[in-house]
N, C-alpha and C. Protein backbone atom coordinates (compact mmCIF):
# COMPACT_ATOMS: atom_id res chain seq x y z
N ALA A 1 -24.62 119.96 134.92
CA ALA A 1 -23.26 120.07 135.16
C ALA A 1 -22.40 121.30 135.19
N GLY A 2 -22.75 122.02 134.21
CA GLY A 2 -22.14 123.54 134.37
C GLY A 2 -22.25 124.16 135.79
N ILE A 3 -23.35 124.07 136.53
CA ILE A 3 -23.76 124.67 137.44
C ILE A 3 -22.71 124.18 138.68
N LEU A 4 -22.78 122.84 138.56
CA LEU A 4 -21.73 122.11 139.68
C LEU A 4 -20.31 122.71 139.21
N HIS A 5 -19.83 122.62 138.28
CA HIS A 5 -18.48 123.07 138.10
C HIS A 5 -18.43 124.78 138.37
N LEU A 6 -19.68 125.34 138.03
CA LEU A 6 -19.56 126.85 138.52
C LEU A 6 -19.08 127.09 140.30
N GLY A 7 -19.81 126.15 140.94
CA GLY A 7 -19.76 125.98 142.31
C GLY A 7 -18.20 125.59 142.82
N ASN A 8 -17.68 125.06 141.72
CA ASN A 8 -16.01 124.60 142.28
C ASN A 8 -15.00 125.54 141.97
N ILE A 9 -15.50 127.03 141.22
CA ILE A 9 -14.70 127.79 141.03
C ILE A 9 -13.96 128.56 142.54
N GLU A 10 -12.56 128.66 142.33
CA GLU A 10 -12.27 129.17 143.83
C GLU A 10 -11.68 130.38 143.43
N PHE A 11 -11.25 131.36 144.35
CA PHE A 11 -10.73 132.74 144.10
C PHE A 11 -9.35 133.16 145.23
N ILE A 12 -8.55 133.90 144.46
CA ILE A 12 -7.46 134.24 145.31
C ILE A 12 -7.32 135.92 145.14
N THR A 13 -6.87 136.54 145.91
CA THR A 13 -6.40 137.69 146.08
C THR A 13 -5.37 138.03 145.17
N ALA A 14 -5.54 139.11 144.36
CA ALA A 14 -4.54 139.57 143.59
C ALA A 14 -5.09 141.00 142.93
N GLY A 15 -4.92 141.84 143.68
CA GLY A 15 -5.50 143.36 143.38
C GLY A 15 -7.35 143.24 143.14
N GLY A 16 -7.69 142.51 143.86
CA GLY A 16 -9.08 142.01 143.96
C GLY A 16 -9.14 140.64 143.80
N ALA A 17 -10.26 139.92 143.78
CA ALA A 17 -10.34 138.63 143.80
C ALA A 17 -10.10 138.20 142.08
N GLN A 18 -9.43 137.01 141.88
CA GLN A 18 -9.35 136.44 140.79
C GLN A 18 -9.55 134.96 140.64
N VAL A 19 -9.85 134.39 139.53
CA VAL A 19 -9.97 132.78 139.64
C VAL A 19 -8.73 132.32 140.00
N SER A 20 -8.61 131.41 140.83
CA SER A 20 -7.39 130.64 141.45
C SER A 20 -6.65 129.52 140.05
N PHE A 21 -7.90 128.61 139.77
CA PHE A 21 -7.61 127.50 138.92
C PHE A 21 -8.71 127.80 137.56
N LYS A 22 -8.12 127.51 136.29
CA LYS A 22 -8.95 128.14 135.57
C LYS A 22 -9.78 126.73 134.94
N THR A 23 -9.53 125.46 135.32
CA THR A 23 -10.28 124.32 135.16
C THR A 23 -11.73 124.20 135.32
N ALA A 24 -12.30 124.70 136.54
CA ALA A 24 -13.51 124.54 136.90
C ALA A 24 -14.04 125.61 136.11
N LEU A 25 -13.38 126.75 135.88
CA LEU A 25 -14.26 128.02 135.13
C LEU A 25 -14.32 127.50 133.71
N ASN A 26 -13.36 127.06 133.21
CA ASN A 26 -13.38 126.79 131.89
C ASN A 26 -14.65 125.63 131.59
N ARG A 27 -14.54 124.65 132.32
CA ARG A 27 -15.47 123.82 132.19
C ARG A 27 -16.78 124.10 132.34
N SER A 28 -16.94 125.05 133.38
CA SER A 28 -18.24 125.41 133.76
C SER A 28 -18.86 126.55 132.46
N ALA A 29 -17.94 127.30 131.73
CA ALA A 29 -18.13 128.13 130.77
C ALA A 29 -18.59 127.41 129.42
N GLU A 30 -17.96 126.29 129.26
CA GLU A 30 -18.14 125.32 128.04
C GLU A 30 -19.35 124.78 128.23
N LEU A 31 -19.89 124.32 129.58
CA LEU A 31 -20.89 123.45 129.69
C LEU A 31 -22.24 124.55 129.44
N LEU A 32 -21.95 125.69 129.99
CA LEU A 32 -23.02 126.58 130.05
C LEU A 32 -23.24 127.49 128.64
N GLY A 33 -22.31 127.24 127.89
CA GLY A 33 -22.46 127.94 126.68
C GLY A 33 -21.77 129.59 126.83
N LEU A 34 -20.90 129.74 127.81
CA LEU A 34 -20.51 131.33 127.92
C LEU A 34 -18.84 131.31 127.48
N ASP A 35 -18.57 132.61 127.27
CA ASP A 35 -17.10 132.84 127.37
C ASP A 35 -16.76 132.86 128.54
N SER A 36 -15.29 132.32 128.52
CA SER A 36 -14.64 131.84 130.10
C SER A 36 -14.23 133.20 130.41
N THR A 37 -13.99 134.31 129.50
CA THR A 37 -13.19 135.61 130.02
C THR A 37 -14.55 136.65 130.57
N GLN A 38 -15.57 136.47 130.00
CA GLN A 38 -16.89 137.14 130.35
C GLN A 38 -17.36 136.79 131.74
N LEU A 39 -17.27 135.28 131.77
CA LEU A 39 -17.79 134.48 132.90
C LEU A 39 -16.84 135.06 134.08
N THR A 40 -15.13 135.02 134.06
CA THR A 40 -14.46 135.57 135.03
C THR A 40 -14.90 137.00 135.08
N GLU A 41 -15.12 137.96 134.36
CA GLU A 41 -15.51 139.06 134.92
C GLU A 41 -16.70 139.21 135.70
N ALA A 42 -17.53 138.45 135.08
CA ALA A 42 -19.04 138.45 135.73
C ALA A 42 -18.96 138.28 137.42
N LEU A 43 -17.94 137.20 137.49
CA LEU A 43 -17.68 136.85 138.74
C LEU A 43 -16.97 137.79 139.80
N THR A 44 -15.95 138.55 139.15
CA THR A 44 -15.04 139.18 139.91
C THR A 44 -14.90 140.76 139.90
N GLN A 45 -16.01 141.23 139.13
CA GLN A 45 -15.86 142.52 138.89
C GLN A 45 -17.64 142.88 139.32
N ARG A 46 -17.81 144.21 139.57
CA ARG A 46 -19.00 145.02 139.57
C ARG A 46 -18.82 145.85 138.57
N SER A 47 -20.12 145.93 137.96
CA SER A 47 -20.47 146.80 136.89
C SER A 47 -21.64 148.03 136.99
N MET A 48 -21.02 148.99 136.94
CA MET A 48 -22.18 150.13 137.24
C MET A 48 -22.34 151.04 135.75
N ILE A 49 -23.28 151.60 135.51
CA ILE A 49 -23.41 152.49 134.57
C ILE A 49 -23.59 153.83 135.31
N LEU A 50 -22.79 154.98 135.05
CA LEU A 50 -22.92 156.31 135.75
C LEU A 50 -22.83 157.05 134.94
N ARG A 51 -23.91 157.83 134.37
CA ARG A 51 -23.70 159.03 133.76
C ARG A 51 -23.58 158.45 132.12
N GLY A 52 -23.85 157.33 131.97
CA GLY A 52 -23.79 156.42 130.56
C GLY A 52 -22.45 156.01 130.58
N GLU A 53 -21.58 155.86 131.47
CA GLU A 53 -20.12 155.43 131.44
C GLU A 53 -20.20 153.93 132.41
N GLU A 54 -19.57 153.17 131.79
CA GLU A 54 -19.42 151.87 132.51
C GLU A 54 -18.40 152.03 133.65
N ILE A 55 -18.58 151.62 134.79
CA ILE A 55 -17.41 151.84 135.64
C ILE A 55 -17.37 150.08 136.31
N LEU A 56 -16.09 149.74 136.09
CA LEU A 56 -15.79 148.39 136.80
C LEU A 56 -15.01 148.50 138.07
N THR A 57 -15.76 147.88 139.11
CA THR A 57 -15.17 147.76 140.29
C THR A 57 -14.51 146.22 140.73
N PRO A 58 -13.36 146.08 141.09
CA PRO A 58 -12.95 144.77 141.52
C PRO A 58 -13.82 144.19 142.77
N LEU A 59 -14.07 143.09 143.07
CA LEU A 59 -14.57 142.41 144.22
C LEU A 59 -13.61 141.94 144.98
N ASN A 60 -13.58 141.85 146.36
CA ASN A 60 -13.01 141.06 147.20
C ASN A 60 -13.21 139.79 147.12
N ILE A 61 -12.55 138.60 147.68
CA ILE A 61 -13.04 137.40 147.75
C ILE A 61 -14.20 136.81 148.05
N GLN A 62 -14.64 137.45 149.24
CA GLN A 62 -15.98 137.07 149.71
C GLN A 62 -17.05 137.75 148.89
N GLN A 63 -17.02 138.71 148.20
CA GLN A 63 -17.80 139.19 147.34
C GLN A 63 -17.86 138.37 146.21
N ALA A 64 -16.68 137.76 145.71
CA ALA A 64 -16.73 136.97 144.41
C ALA A 64 -17.27 135.91 144.89
N ILE A 65 -16.96 135.23 145.76
CA ILE A 65 -17.72 133.98 146.61
C ILE A 65 -19.46 133.99 146.22
N ASP A 66 -19.51 135.20 146.89
CA ASP A 66 -21.25 135.35 146.78
C ASP A 66 -21.86 135.53 145.61
N SER A 67 -20.85 136.19 144.75
CA SER A 67 -21.39 136.34 143.32
C SER A 67 -21.62 134.94 142.49
N ARG A 68 -20.56 134.15 142.93
CA ARG A 68 -20.32 132.71 142.17
C ARG A 68 -21.93 132.04 142.62
N ASP A 69 -21.79 132.11 144.09
CA ASP A 69 -22.92 131.16 144.60
C ASP A 69 -24.39 131.66 144.10
N SER A 70 -24.51 133.15 144.15
CA SER A 70 -25.70 133.61 143.61
C SER A 70 -26.15 133.19 142.43
N ALA A 71 -25.12 133.34 141.38
CA ALA A 71 -25.03 132.85 140.07
C ALA A 71 -25.70 131.24 139.84
N ALA A 72 -25.06 130.44 140.74
CA ALA A 72 -25.38 129.20 140.67
C ALA A 72 -26.94 128.92 141.00
N MET A 73 -27.17 129.34 142.33
CA MET A 73 -28.59 129.47 142.77
C MET A 73 -29.60 130.03 141.68
N ALA A 74 -29.22 131.08 140.99
CA ALA A 74 -30.11 131.82 140.01
C ALA A 74 -30.14 130.65 138.86
N LEU A 75 -29.21 130.01 138.49
CA LEU A 75 -29.31 129.07 137.28
C LEU A 75 -29.99 127.78 137.59
N TYR A 76 -29.43 127.47 138.67
CA TYR A 76 -30.22 126.02 139.20
C TYR A 76 -31.81 126.25 139.37
N SER A 77 -32.10 127.70 140.16
CA SER A 77 -33.71 127.86 139.94
C SER A 77 -34.43 128.10 138.92
N GLN A 78 -33.80 128.46 137.80
CA GLN A 78 -34.21 128.68 136.37
C GLN A 78 -34.51 127.27 135.77
N CYS A 79 -33.25 126.18 135.90
CA CYS A 79 -33.18 125.04 135.53
C CYS A 79 -34.37 124.23 136.24
N PHE A 80 -34.67 124.26 137.37
CA PHE A 80 -35.71 123.62 138.28
C PHE A 80 -37.14 124.25 137.48
N ALA A 81 -37.33 125.45 137.40
CA ALA A 81 -38.36 126.10 136.86
C ALA A 81 -39.01 125.44 135.60
N TRP A 82 -37.74 125.36 134.70
CA TRP A 82 -37.99 124.57 133.41
C TRP A 82 -38.30 123.34 133.41
N VAL A 83 -37.59 122.54 134.28
CA VAL A 83 -38.21 121.12 134.20
C VAL A 83 -39.45 120.69 134.66
N ILE A 84 -40.00 121.70 135.92
CA ILE A 84 -41.04 121.69 136.30
C ILE A 84 -42.25 121.96 135.26
N LYS A 85 -42.12 123.28 134.47
CA LYS A 85 -42.97 123.51 133.38
C LYS A 85 -43.31 122.27 132.28
N LYS A 86 -42.04 121.77 132.04
CA LYS A 86 -42.08 120.79 131.10
C LYS A 86 -42.74 119.49 131.83
N ILE A 87 -42.49 118.99 132.86
CA ILE A 87 -43.17 118.10 133.57
C ILE A 87 -44.74 118.20 133.38
N ASN A 88 -45.22 119.41 133.99
CA ASN A 88 -46.56 119.81 134.10
C ASN A 88 -47.43 119.90 132.58
N SER A 89 -46.56 120.31 131.51
CA SER A 89 -46.92 120.37 130.33
C SER A 89 -47.49 119.09 129.75
N ARG A 90 -46.61 118.21 130.07
CA ARG A 90 -46.57 116.89 129.57
C ARG A 90 -47.88 115.79 130.42
N ILE A 91 -48.06 116.20 131.59
CA ILE A 91 -49.35 115.46 132.34
C ILE A 91 -50.44 116.19 132.61
N LYS A 92 -50.62 117.58 132.04
CA LYS A 92 -51.96 118.12 132.18
C LYS A 92 -52.94 117.64 131.45
N GLY A 93 -54.18 117.60 132.00
CA GLY A 93 -55.24 117.08 131.65
C GLY A 93 -55.75 117.86 130.36
N LYS A 94 -56.90 117.48 129.74
CA LYS A 94 -57.81 118.00 128.71
C LYS A 94 -57.91 119.35 129.18
N ASP A 95 -58.03 120.42 127.91
CA ASP A 95 -58.08 121.98 128.42
C ASP A 95 -59.68 122.12 128.74
N ASP A 96 -60.56 121.26 128.23
CA ASP A 96 -61.87 121.48 128.45
C ASP A 96 -62.40 120.88 129.54
N PHE A 97 -61.63 120.30 130.41
CA PHE A 97 -62.29 119.56 131.61
C PHE A 97 -62.27 120.84 132.56
N LYS A 98 -63.35 120.77 133.07
CA LYS A 98 -63.78 121.99 134.26
C LYS A 98 -64.25 121.21 135.33
N SER A 99 -63.90 121.55 136.50
CA SER A 99 -64.48 121.01 137.84
C SER A 99 -64.27 121.88 138.96
N ILE A 100 -65.30 121.91 139.94
CA ILE A 100 -65.43 122.57 141.12
C ILE A 100 -65.48 121.52 142.25
N GLY A 101 -64.29 121.79 143.22
CA GLY A 101 -64.41 120.52 144.37
C GLY A 101 -64.95 121.54 145.56
N ILE A 102 -65.96 120.83 146.35
CA ILE A 102 -66.42 121.56 147.52
C ILE A 102 -66.43 120.23 148.85
N LEU A 103 -65.83 120.73 149.80
CA LEU A 103 -65.69 119.94 151.02
C LEU A 103 -66.22 120.53 152.08
N ASP A 104 -67.34 119.69 152.64
CA ASP A 104 -67.98 120.41 153.73
C ASP A 104 -67.80 119.30 154.78
N ILE A 105 -66.91 119.74 155.80
CA ILE A 105 -66.92 118.85 156.77
C ILE A 105 -67.91 119.03 157.90
N PHE A 106 -68.62 117.86 158.16
CA PHE A 106 -69.60 117.96 159.52
C PHE A 106 -69.07 118.28 160.72
N GLY A 107 -69.85 119.31 161.33
CA GLY A 107 -69.66 119.49 162.80
C GLY A 107 -68.94 120.87 162.79
């Protein structure tokens, strides 16, 4: 649910991209166990370390949308991989089972 709310976050231009309504942001942050201020910064700023100093650059709206969508896709991908891993661990057979299958099609 947190990923779905993340996708509902919209941006406006105010000296760089800013979150327009905090409702989706706050709900997403709560469901994902994140601080809403840090989530806002992660979606609206680019952070670079240059000579040991952190430099923050504001993103424009399109970059913020791309950042939001990339974060949602990465989270969804990780959740999906976790679910598949859990399913596979529950349905796997005996560890000592060994088999080799050979298929020889005539002709």
